[in-house]
Amino acid sequence: MLAIAAAVVFFIAFILHATETSTELIFGTTSLTLVGFILVALHLGGVGSGWQTRGRRR
């Protein structure tokens, strides 16, 4: 789920950068890129991955 959110943030940052939209008052492309990296790092760290079973008990 966090990877999808990161992809959306990266896409928004790309669109803002490609159209050269000036939004530095609220957020900029650099800050959106950093938020995307944070979301990817959390995803790779296992945060938000849901419940995991440790193993089957017999």
PDB file of N, CA and C in Angstrom:
ATOM      1  N   MET A   1       0.823  -1.190   0.000  1.00  0.00           N
ATOM      2  CA  MET A   1       0.000   0.000   0.000  1.00  0.00           C
ATOM      3  C   MET A   1       0.869   1.256   0.000  1.00  0.00           C
ATOM      4  N   LEU A   2       1.961   1.210   0.757  1.00  0.00           N
ATOM      5  CA  LEU A   2       2.844   2.375   0.793  1.00  0.00           C
ATOM      6  C   LEU A   2       3.560   2.564  -0.535  1.00  0.00           C
ATOM      7  N   ALA A   3       3.812   1.469  -1.253  1.00  0.00           N
ATOM      8  CA  ALA A   3       4.458   1.584  -2.557  1.00  0.00           C
ATOM      9  C   ALA A   3       3.531   2.277  -3.551  1.00  0.00           C
ATOM     10  N   ILE A   4       2.244   2.018  -3.465  1.00  0.00           N
ATOM     11  CA  ILE A   4       1.285   2.681  -4.345  1.00  0.00           C
ATOM     12  C   ILE A   4       1.210   4.162  -4.019  1.00  0.00           C
ATOM     13  N   ALA A   5       1.205   4.485  -2.727  1.00  0.00           N
ATOM     14  CA  ALA A   5       1.202   5.895  -2.325  1.00  0.00           C
ATOM     15  C   ALA A   5       2.468   6.602  -2.795  1.00  0.00           C
ATOM     16  N   ALA A   6       3.605   5.912  -2.720  1.00  0.00           N
ATOM     17  CA  ALA A   6       4.862   6.495  -3.201  1.00  0.00           C
ATOM     18  C   ALA A   6       4.812   6.733  -4.703  1.00  0.00           C
ATOM     19  N   ALA A   7       4.224   5.790  -5.439  1.00  0.00           N
ATOM     20  CA  ALA A   7       4.110   5.964  -6.887  1.00  0.00           C
ATOM     21  C   ALA A   7       3.244   7.172  -7.228  1.00  0.00           C
ATOM     22  N   VAL A   8       2.165   7.370  -6.492  1.00  0.00           N
ATOM     23  CA  VAL A   8       1.297   8.523  -6.720  1.00  0.00           C
ATOM     24  C   VAL A   8       2.033   9.823  -6.408  1.00  0.00           C
ATOM     25  N   VAL A   9       2.791   9.846  -5.305  1.00  0.00           N
ATOM     26  CA  VAL A   9       3.546  11.048  -4.944  1.00  0.00           C
ATOM     27  C   VAL A   9       4.611  11.342  -5.988  1.00  0.00           C
ATOM     28  N   PHE A  10       5.317  10.298  -6.451  1.00  0.00           N
ATOM     29  CA  PHE A  10       6.325  10.497  -7.499  1.00  0.00           C
ATOM     30  C   PHE A  10       5.679  11.008  -8.785  1.00  0.00           C
ATOM     31  N   PHE A  11       4.492  10.508  -9.122  1.00  0.00           N
ATOM     32  CA  PHE A  11       3.801  10.956 -10.336  1.00  0.00           C
ATOM     33  C   PHE A  11       3.413  12.431 -10.223  1.00  0.00           C
ATOM     34  N   ILE A  12       2.908  12.832  -9.073  1.00  0.00           N
ATOM     35  CA  ILE A  12       2.544  14.238  -8.874  1.00  0.00           C
ATOM     36  C   ILE A  12       3.779  15.118  -8.966  1.00  0.00           C
ATOM     37  N   ALA A  13       4.883  14.667  -8.355  1.00  0.00           N
ATOM     38  CA  ALA A  13       6.129  15.437  -8.429  1.00  0.00           C
ATOM     39  C   ALA A  13       6.615  15.545  -9.863  1.00  0.00           C
ATOM     40  N   PHE A  14       6.482  14.474 -10.636  1.00  0.00           N
ATOM     41  CA  PHE A  14       6.894  14.498 -12.037  1.00  0.00           C
ATOM     42  C   PHE A  14       6.047  15.466 -12.848  1.00  0.00           C
ATOM     43  N   ILE A  15       4.742  15.436 -12.644  1.00  0.00           N
ATOM     44  CA  ILE A  15       3.852  16.335 -13.383  1.00  0.00           C
ATOM     45  C   ILE A  15       4.167  17.791 -13.041  1.00  0.00           C
ATOM     46  N   LEU A  16       4.385  18.079 -11.762  1.00  0.00           N
ATOM     47  CA  LEU A  16       4.716  19.449 -11.362  1.00  0.00           C
ATOM     48  C   LEU A  16       6.048  19.884 -11.957  1.00  0.00           C
ATOM     49  N   HIS A  17       6.998  18.973 -12.016  1.00  0.00           N
ATOM     50  CA  HIS A  17       8.310  19.311 -12.579  1.00  0.00           C
ATOM     51  C   HIS A  17       8.224  19.463 -14.101  1.00  0.00           C
ATOM     52  N   ALA A  18       7.463  18.601 -14.749  1.00  0.00           N
ATOM     53  CA  ALA A  18       7.358  18.645 -16.210  1.00  0.00           C
ATOM     54  C   ALA A  18       6.627  19.894 -16.688  1.00  0.00           C
ATOM     55  N   THR A  19       5.635  20.338 -15.937  1.00  0.00           N
ATOM     56  CA  THR A  19       4.887  21.522 -16.345  1.00  0.00           C
ATOM     57  C   THR A  19       5.482  22.803 -15.783  1.00  0.00           C
ATOM     58  N   GLU A  20       6.562  22.643 -14.986  1.00  0.00           N
ATOM     59  CA  GLU A  20       7.247  23.781 -14.363  1.00  0.00           C
ATOM     60  C   GLU A  20       6.290  24.657 -13.550  1.00  0.00           C
ATOM     61  N   THR A  21       5.383  24.000 -12.850  1.00  0.00           N
ATOM     62  CA  THR A  21       4.430  24.692 -11.992  1.00  0.00           C
ATOM     63  C   THR A  21       5.142  25.144 -10.722  1.00  0.00           C
ATOM     64  N   SER A  22       4.948  26.384 -10.346  1.00  0.00           N
ATOM     65  CA  SER A  22       5.584  26.920  -9.147  1.00  0.00           C
ATOM     66  C   SER A  22       4.639  26.748  -7.966  1.00  0.00           C
ATOM     67  N   THR A  23       4.958  25.807  -7.088  1.00  0.00           N
ATOM     68  CA  THR A  23       4.147  25.556  -5.899  1.00  0.00           C
ATOM     69  C   THR A  23       5.024  25.553  -4.657  1.00  0.00           C
ATOM     70  N   GLU A  24       6.055  26.342  -4.640  1.00  0.00           N
ATOM     71  CA  GLU A  24       7.010  26.319  -3.536  1.00  0.00           C
ATOM     72  C   GLU A  24       6.418  26.813  -2.219  1.00  0.00           C
ATOM     73  N   LEU A  25       5.281  27.500  -2.248  1.00  0.00           N
ATOM     74  CA  LEU A  25       4.685  27.971  -1.001  1.00  0.00           C
ATOM     75  C   LEU A  25       4.161  26.819  -0.161  1.00  0.00           C
ATOM     76  N   ILE A  26       3.585  25.837  -0.782  1.00  0.00           N
ATOM     77  CA  ILE A  26       3.008  24.710  -0.049  1.00  0.00           C
ATOM     78  C   ILE A  26       3.943  23.501  -0.115  1.00  0.00           C
ATOM     79  N   PHE A  27       4.260  23.065  -1.296  1.00  0.00           N
ATOM     80  CA  PHE A  27       5.151  21.918  -1.482  1.00  0.00           C
ATOM     81  C   PHE A  27       5.823  22.061  -2.829  1.00  0.00           C
ATOM     82  N   GLY A  28       7.007  21.521  -2.911  1.00  0.00           N
ATOM     83  CA  GLY A  28       7.758  21.561  -4.158  1.00  0.00           C
ATOM     84  C   GLY A  28       8.078  20.158  -4.629  1.00  0.00           C
ATOM     85  N   THR A  29       8.684  20.075  -5.787  1.00  0.00           N
ATOM     86  CA  THR A  29       9.000  18.755  -6.328  1.00  0.00           C
ATOM     87  C   THR A  29      10.039  18.039  -5.481  1.00  0.00           C
ATOM     88  N   THR A  30      10.952  18.789  -4.889  1.00  0.00           N
ATOM     89  CA  THR A  30      11.970  18.154  -4.038  1.00  0.00           C
ATOM     90  C   THR A  30      11.346  17.553  -2.789  1.00  0.00           C
ATOM     91  N   SER A  31      10.449  18.279  -2.153  1.00  0.00           N
ATOM     92  CA  SER A  31       9.821  17.747  -0.946  1.00  0.00           C
ATOM     93  C   SER A  31       8.920  16.560  -1.277  1.00  0.00           C
ATOM     94  N   LEU A  32       8.234  16.593  -2.407  1.00  0.00           N
ATOM     95  CA  LEU A  32       7.411  15.447  -2.802  1.00  0.00           C
ATOM     96  C   LEU A  32       8.274  14.229  -3.105  1.00  0.00           C
ATOM     97  N   THR A  33       9.424  14.448  -3.717  1.00  0.00           N
ATOM     98  CA  THR A  33      10.328  13.343  -3.989  1.00  0.00           C
ATOM     99  C   THR A  33      10.843  12.731  -2.687  1.00  0.00           C
ATOM    100  N   LEU A  34      11.169  13.575  -1.715  1.00  0.00           N
ATOM    101  CA  LEU A  34      11.629  13.065  -0.430  1.00  0.00           C
ATOM    102  C   LEU A  34      10.526  12.293   0.295  1.00  0.00           C
ATOM    103  N   VAL A  35       9.302  12.760   0.219  1.00  0.00           N
ATOM    104  CA  VAL A  35       8.178  12.028   0.813  1.00  0.00           C
ATOM    105  C   VAL A  35       8.012  10.679   0.120  1.00  0.00           C
ATOM    106  N   GLY A  36       8.168  10.654  -1.189  1.00  0.00           N
ATOM    107  CA  GLY A  36       8.099   9.386  -1.926  1.00  0.00           C
ATOM    108  C   GLY A  36       9.182   8.421  -1.498  1.00  0.00           C
ATOM    109  N   PHE A  37      10.407   8.931  -1.296  1.00  0.00           N
ATOM    110  CA  PHE A  37      11.492   8.073  -0.825  1.00  0.00           C
ATOM    111  C   PHE A  37      11.210   7.531   0.573  1.00  0.00           C
ATOM    112  N   ILE A  38      10.622   8.353   1.421  1.00  0.00           N
ATOM    113  CA  ILE A  38      10.272   7.898   2.766  1.00  0.00           C
ATOM    114  C   ILE A  38       9.228   6.781   2.689  1.00  0.00           C
ATOM    115  N   LEU A  39       8.234   6.951   1.826  1.00  0.00           N
ATOM    116  CA  LEU A  39       7.204   5.915   1.681  1.00  0.00           C
ATOM    117  C   LEU A  39       7.788   4.618   1.138  1.00  0.00           C
ATOM    118  N   VAL A  40       8.701   4.719   0.181  1.00  0.00           N
ATOM    119  CA  VAL A  40       9.346   3.508  -0.355  1.00  0.00           C
ATOM    120  C   VAL A  40      10.189   2.838   0.725  1.00  0.00           C
ATOM    121  N   ALA A  41      10.916   3.632   1.514  1.00  0.00           N
ATOM    122  CA  ALA A  41      11.733   3.061   2.586  1.00  0.00           C
ATOM    123  C   ALA A  41      10.859   2.357   3.622  1.00  0.00           C
ATOM    124  N   LEU A  42       9.732   2.958   3.966  1.00  0.00           N
ATOM    125  CA  LEU A  42       8.821   2.309   4.908  1.00  0.00           C
ATOM    126  C   LEU A  42       8.258   1.022   4.331  1.00  0.00           C
ATOM    127  N   HIS A  43       7.943   1.036   3.048  1.00  0.00           N
ATOM    128  CA  HIS A  43       7.426  -0.170   2.396  1.00  0.00           C
ATOM    129  C   HIS A  43       8.473  -1.283   2.413  1.00  0.00           C
ATOM    130  N   LEU A  44       9.709  -0.936   2.077  1.00  0.00           N
ATOM    131  CA  LEU A  44      10.768  -1.941   2.064  1.00  0.00           C
ATOM    132  C   LEU A  44      11.125  -2.407   3.469  1.00  0.00           C
ATOM    133  N   GLY A  45      10.872  -1.566   4.455  1.00  0.00           N
ATOM    134  CA  GLY A  45      11.116  -1.940   5.844  1.00  0.00           C
ATOM    135  C   GLY A  45      10.023  -2.815   6.436  1.00  0.00           C
ATOM    136  N   GLY A  46       8.936  -2.994   5.713  1.00  0.00           N
ATOM    137  CA  GLY A  46       7.876  -3.878   6.177  1.00  0.00           C
ATOM    138  C   GLY A  46       6.743  -3.175   6.896  1.00  0.00           C
ATOM    139  N   VAL A  47       6.771  -1.857   6.968  1.00  0.00           N
ATOM    140  CA  VAL A  47       5.699  -1.119   7.632  1.00  0.00           C
ATOM    141  C   VAL A  47       4.477  -1.109   6.717  1.00  0.00           C
ATOM    142  N   GLY A  48       3.325  -1.405   7.251  1.00  0.00           N
ATOM    143  CA  GLY A  48       2.093  -1.373   6.471  1.00  0.00           C
ATOM    144  C   GLY A  48       1.893  -2.574   5.587  1.00  0.00           C
ATOM    145  N   SER A  49       2.619  -3.639   5.844  1.00  0.00           N
ATOM    146  CA  SER A  49       2.494  -4.818   4.995  1.00  0.00           C
ATOM    147  C   SER A  49       1.377  -5.746   5.446  1.00  0.00           C
ATOM    148  N   GLY A  50       0.741  -5.424   6.539  1.00  0.00           N
ATOM    149  CA  GLY A  50      -0.366  -6.247   7.011  1.00  0.00           C
ATOM    150  C   GLY A  50       0.101  -7.297   7.997  1.00  0.00           C
ATOM    151  N   TRP A  51      -0.787  -8.204   8.307  1.00  0.00           N
ATOM    152  CA  TRP A  51      -0.475  -9.240   9.268  1.00  0.00           C
ATOM    153  C   TRP A  51       0.364 -10.318   8.606  1.00  0.00           C
ATOM    154  N   GLN A  52       1.348 -10.786   9.329  1.00  0.00           N
ATOM    155  CA  GLN A  52       2.162 -11.894   8.851  1.00  0.00           C
ATOM    156  C   GLN A  52       2.107 -13.014   9.873  1.00  0.00           C
ATOM    157  N   THR A  53       2.024 -14.212   9.383  1.00  0.00           N
ATOM    158  CA  THR A  53       2.052 -15.351  10.278  1.00  0.00           C
ATOM    159  C   THR A  53       3.504 -15.774  10.481  1.00  0.00           C
ATOM    160  N   ARG A  54       3.821 -16.105  11.687  1.00  0.00           N
ATOM    161  CA  ARG A  54       5.189 -16.502  12.014  1.00  0.00           C
ATOM    162  C   ARG A  54       5.495 -17.925  11.561  1.00  0.00           C
ATOM    163  N   GLY A  55       4.502 -18.708  11.423  1.00  0.00           N
ATOM    164  CA  GLY A  55       4.690 -20.092  11.022  1.00  0.00           C
ATOM    165  C   GLY A  55       3.464 -20.911  11.400  1.00  0.00           C
ATOM    166  N   ARG A  56       3.404 -22.093  10.861  1.00  0.00           N
ATOM    167  CA  ARG A  56       2.258 -22.947  11.171  1.00  0.00           C
ATOM    168  C   ARG A  56       2.524 -23.735  12.433  1.00  0.00           C
ATOM    169  N   ARG A  57       1.528 -23.763  13.283  1.00  0.00           N
ATOM    170  CA  ARG A  57       1.622 -24.588  14.489  1.00  0.00           C
ATOM    171  C   ARG A  57       0.947 -25.910  14.207  1.00  0.00           C
ATOM    172  N   ARG A  58       1.546 -26.940  14.731  1.00  0.00           N
ATOM    173  CA  ARG A  58       0.962 -28.268  14.513  1.00  0.00           C
ATOM    174  C   ARG A  58       0.444 -28.846  15.779  1.00  0.00           C
TER     175      ARG A  58
END
